[in-house]
Amino acid sequence: VLNKGQMVAAENETTTSPAWTTAGPTKSLKDALAPGVSTKELAARIVERINQKEGLQRLEVGDRGQIRLNNNILFSFGEAQLNPEGLKVLGLLAEELQALPHGIRVEGHTDNVPIRTAQYPSNWELSTARAVNVVKYLSGRGNLNPGRLSAAGYADAKPLRPNTSSENRAGNRRVELVLLKGKNQ
């Protein structure tokens, strides 16, 4: 029930944060959001819903409120072509993002192991190609307005962990979706 644009509980009903439950499908996150919800909280709700739908902890929320997907979900090693498992996760993510007004910056990241192939002469090209392919999916099959999307490749410039072990390097290979406060930021 809305009262002056604010969501309130119906009589004999209580509301909790988050503003919707994770049981059952929701057609529109936008309609279910209470005013003043931060992008970090919104990202956390989206990640929770998708992880519950999948029954796996595939997505994480970063310290800036970004939605983080490890590359092994989306891509084969050293490749930028989305794999079937990644398409499934991106499809669920697109469903959650469709009703939101936020701009979305897709960021590609790699580890510090140099790549030198004809297609990707450096990690810059690989990280950017991965971000661009996620944007293409979200704007195409994901039905998100392309004007809301942007892509950025950071190569190994923003690691989460020191690139001192194979486990740390694997964690640094990722794609992050940053929910921007405005449509065109």
Protein backbone atom coordinates (compact mmCIF):
# COMPACT_ATOMS: atom_id res chain seq x y z
CA VAL A 1 0.00 0.00 0.00
CA LEU A 2 1.35 3.44 -0.85
CA ASN A 3 0.85 6.55 1.23
CA LYS A 4 2.18 9.77 -0.33
CA GLY A 5 4.66 7.75 -2.40
CA GLN A 6 5.88 5.77 0.61
CA MET A 7 5.33 2.05 1.01
CA VAL A 8 3.41 1.22 4.17
CA ALA A 9 2.07 -2.01 5.59
CA ALA A 10 -1.54 -2.97 5.19
CA GLU A 11 -3.50 -3.36 8.40
CA ASN A 12 -2.32 -6.42 10.40
CA GLU A 13 0.70 -6.78 8.14
CA THR A 14 4.29 -5.86 8.86
CA THR A 15 7.03 -4.86 6.49
CA THR A 16 10.69 -5.58 6.84
CA SER A 17 13.80 -4.54 5.01
CA PRO A 18 14.29 -5.63 2.29
CA ALA A 19 11.08 -4.32 0.81
CA TRP A 20 10.19 -7.62 -0.87
CA THR A 21 10.62 -11.23 0.05
CA THR A 22 12.87 -13.60 -1.80
CA ALA A 23 10.14 -16.22 -2.12
CA GLY A 24 8.38 -16.21 -5.46
CA PRO A 25 8.95 -14.10 -8.52
CA THR A 26 8.69 -10.33 -8.48
CA LYS A 27 7.88 -8.61 -11.75
CA SER A 28 9.36 -5.28 -10.77
CA LEU A 29 12.04 -4.42 -8.26
CA LYS A 30 11.35 -0.78 -8.97
CA ASP A 31 7.80 -1.05 -7.67
CA ALA A 32 8.93 -2.91 -4.57
CA LEU A 33 11.70 -0.51 -3.55
CA ALA A 34 11.24 1.79 -0.62
CA PRO A 35 12.57 5.33 -1.10
CA GLY A 36 16.12 5.93 0.02
CA VAL A 37 17.47 2.43 -0.64
CA SER A 38 21.19 2.70 -1.45
CA THR A 39 22.64 1.12 -4.58
CA LYS A 40 24.75 -1.13 -2.32
CA GLU A 41 21.63 -2.40 -0.54
CA LEU A 42 19.83 -2.82 -3.86
CA ALA A 43 22.78 -4.81 -5.25
CA ALA A 44 22.77 -7.00 -2.13
CA ARG A 45 19.06 -7.74 -2.61
CA ILE A 46 19.56 -8.65 -6.27
CA VAL A 47 22.53 -10.91 -5.45
CA GLU A 48 20.58 -12.62 -2.68
CA ARG A 49 17.58 -13.28 -4.94
CA ILE A 50 19.69 -14.72 -7.78
CA ASN A 51 21.81 -16.86 -5.46
CA GLN A 52 18.61 -18.25 -3.93
CA LYS A 53 17.09 -18.94 -7.35
CA GLU A 54 20.26 -20.72 -8.41
CA GLY A 55 20.75 -22.50 -5.09
CA LEU A 56 24.42 -21.49 -5.33
CA GLN A 57 26.54 -18.56 -4.20
CA ARG A 58 27.53 -17.44 -7.71
CA LEU A 59 27.33 -13.68 -7.19
CA GLU A 60 28.82 -11.38 -4.57
CA VAL A 61 28.43 -7.76 -3.60
CA GLY A 62 31.62 -5.72 -3.64
CA ASP A 63 32.60 -3.02 -1.17
CA ARG A 64 31.35 -0.29 -3.57
CA GLY A 65 27.99 -2.05 -3.97
CA GLN A 66 28.90 -3.62 -7.30
CA ILE A 67 27.53 -7.00 -8.36
CA ARG A 68 30.53 -9.28 -8.83
CA LEU A 69 30.64 -12.35 -11.07
CA ASN A 70 33.75 -14.50 -11.18
CA ASN A 71 34.98 -15.05 -14.73
CA ASN A 72 34.74 -18.84 -14.45
CA ILE A 73 30.94 -18.41 -14.38
CA LEU A 74 30.87 -16.33 -17.56
CA PHE A 75 33.89 -17.28 -19.69
CA SER A 76 36.41 -19.98 -20.42
CA PHE A 77 39.99 -19.15 -19.44
CA GLY A 78 41.52 -16.52 -21.74
CA GLU A 79 38.27 -16.09 -23.72
CA ALA A 80 35.58 -13.40 -23.96
CA GLN A 81 32.78 -15.51 -25.49
CA LEU A 82 29.98 -16.00 -22.94
CA ASN A 83 29.43 -19.64 -22.05
CA PRO A 84 26.00 -21.28 -21.47
CA GLU A 85 26.33 -21.17 -17.67
CA GLY A 86 27.13 -17.47 -17.87
CA LEU A 87 24.18 -16.80 -20.16
CA LYS A 88 21.84 -18.36 -17.62
CA VAL A 89 23.16 -16.20 -14.77
CA LEU A 90 23.09 -13.06 -16.93
CA GLY A 91 19.50 -13.86 -17.91
CA LEU A 92 18.48 -13.94 -14.25
CA LEU A 93 20.42 -10.76 -13.61
CA ALA A 94 18.80 -8.99 -16.58
CA GLU A 95 15.33 -9.89 -15.24
CA GLU A 96 16.19 -8.22 -11.94
CA LEU A 97 17.72 -5.13 -13.58
CA GLN A 98 15.03 -4.43 -16.20
CA ALA A 99 12.74 -2.35 -14.01
CA LEU A 100 15.46 -0.27 -12.37
CA PRO A 101 16.17 3.27 -13.54
CA HIS A 102 19.90 3.03 -12.77
CA GLY A 103 22.67 3.30 -15.28
CA ILE A 104 24.91 0.22 -15.23
CA ARG A 105 28.66 0.18 -15.84
CA VAL A 106 30.01 -3.27 -16.67
CA GLU A 107 33.66 -3.56 -15.63
CA GLY A 108 36.01 -6.30 -16.86
CA HIS A 109 39.04 -7.31 -14.76
CA THR A 110 41.89 -9.78 -15.26
CA ASP A 111 44.78 -11.10 -13.22
CA ASN A 112 48.37 -10.03 -13.89
CA VAL A 113 49.36 -13.00 -16.05
CA PRO A 114 50.05 -11.52 -19.49
CA ILE A 115 47.96 -12.75 -22.40
CA ARG A 116 49.35 -12.44 -25.89
CA THR A 117 47.06 -13.91 -28.51
CA ALA A 118 46.13 -12.64 -31.95
CA GLN A 119 42.67 -11.75 -30.67
CA TYR A 120 43.77 -10.33 -27.30
CA PRO A 121 47.29 -8.86 -27.42
CA SER A 122 47.02 -7.82 -23.75
CA ASN A 123 44.82 -8.06 -20.68
CA TRP A 124 43.40 -4.65 -21.59
CA GLU A 125 41.75 -6.05 -24.74
CA LEU A 126 40.56 -9.19 -22.94
CA SER A 127 39.00 -7.35 -19.99
CA THR A 128 37.32 -4.84 -22.29
CA ALA A 129 36.02 -7.53 -24.65
CA ARG A 130 34.47 -9.37 -21.72
CA ALA A 131 32.75 -6.22 -20.46
CA VAL A 132 31.50 -5.39 -23.96
CA ASN A 133 30.09 -8.91 -24.45
CA VAL A 134 28.17 -8.67 -21.17
CA VAL A 135 26.79 -5.27 -22.27
CA LYS A 136 25.79 -6.74 -25.64
CA TYR A 137 23.94 -9.56 -23.91
CA LEU A 138 22.18 -7.25 -21.44
CA SER A 139 21.08 -4.85 -24.18
CA GLY A 140 20.13 -7.62 -26.61
CA ARG A 141 18.69 -10.76 -25.10
CA GLY A 142 18.47 -9.12 -21.68
CA ASN A 143 16.21 -6.34 -23.04
CA LEU A 144 17.91 -3.54 -21.09
CA ASN A 145 17.93 -0.08 -22.63
CA PRO A 146 21.40 0.32 -24.21
CA GLY A 147 21.45 3.96 -23.11
CA ARG A 148 21.72 2.75 -19.51
CA LEU A 149 24.79 0.62 -20.17
CA SER A 150 28.51 1.25 -20.50
CA ALA A 151 31.57 -1.00 -20.56
CA ALA A 152 35.03 -0.52 -19.07
CA GLY A 153 38.09 -2.74 -19.12
CA TYR A 154 40.62 -2.46 -16.28
CA ALA A 155 42.96 -5.39 -17.08
CA ASP A 156 44.93 -6.12 -13.88
CA ALA A 157 44.91 -2.51 -12.61
CA LYS A 158 42.33 -3.08 -9.84
CA PRO A 159 43.02 -6.45 -8.19
CA LEU A 160 40.95 -7.64 -5.25
CA ARG A 161 43.87 -9.63 -3.86
CA PRO A 162 47.62 -9.77 -4.44
CA ASN A 163 48.37 -11.83 -7.57
CA THR A 164 50.63 -14.15 -5.56
CA SER A 165 48.75 -17.45 -5.94
CA SER A 166 46.54 -19.17 -8.48
CA GLU A 167 43.58 -18.83 -6.10
CA ASN A 168 44.11 -15.07 -5.74
CA ARG A 169 44.57 -14.64 -9.49
CA ALA A 170 41.32 -16.54 -10.11
CA GLY A 171 39.52 -14.15 -7.75
CA ASN A 172 40.90 -11.15 -9.62
CA ARG A 173 39.46 -12.39 -12.93
CA ARG A 174 35.94 -11.04 -12.74
CA VAL A 175 33.19 -8.87 -14.19
CA GLU A 176 31.47 -6.31 -12.01
CA LEU A 177 28.19 -4.50 -12.61
CA VAL A 178 28.10 -1.11 -10.94
CA LEU A 179 24.66 0.38 -10.36
CA LEU A 180 25.00 4.11 -10.96
CA LYS A 181 22.86 6.62 -9.11
CA GLY A 182 21.47 8.18 -12.30
CA LYS A 183 20.56 6.82 -15.70
CA ASN A 184 23.47 8.49 -17.51
CA GLN A 185 26.26 8.58 -14.92
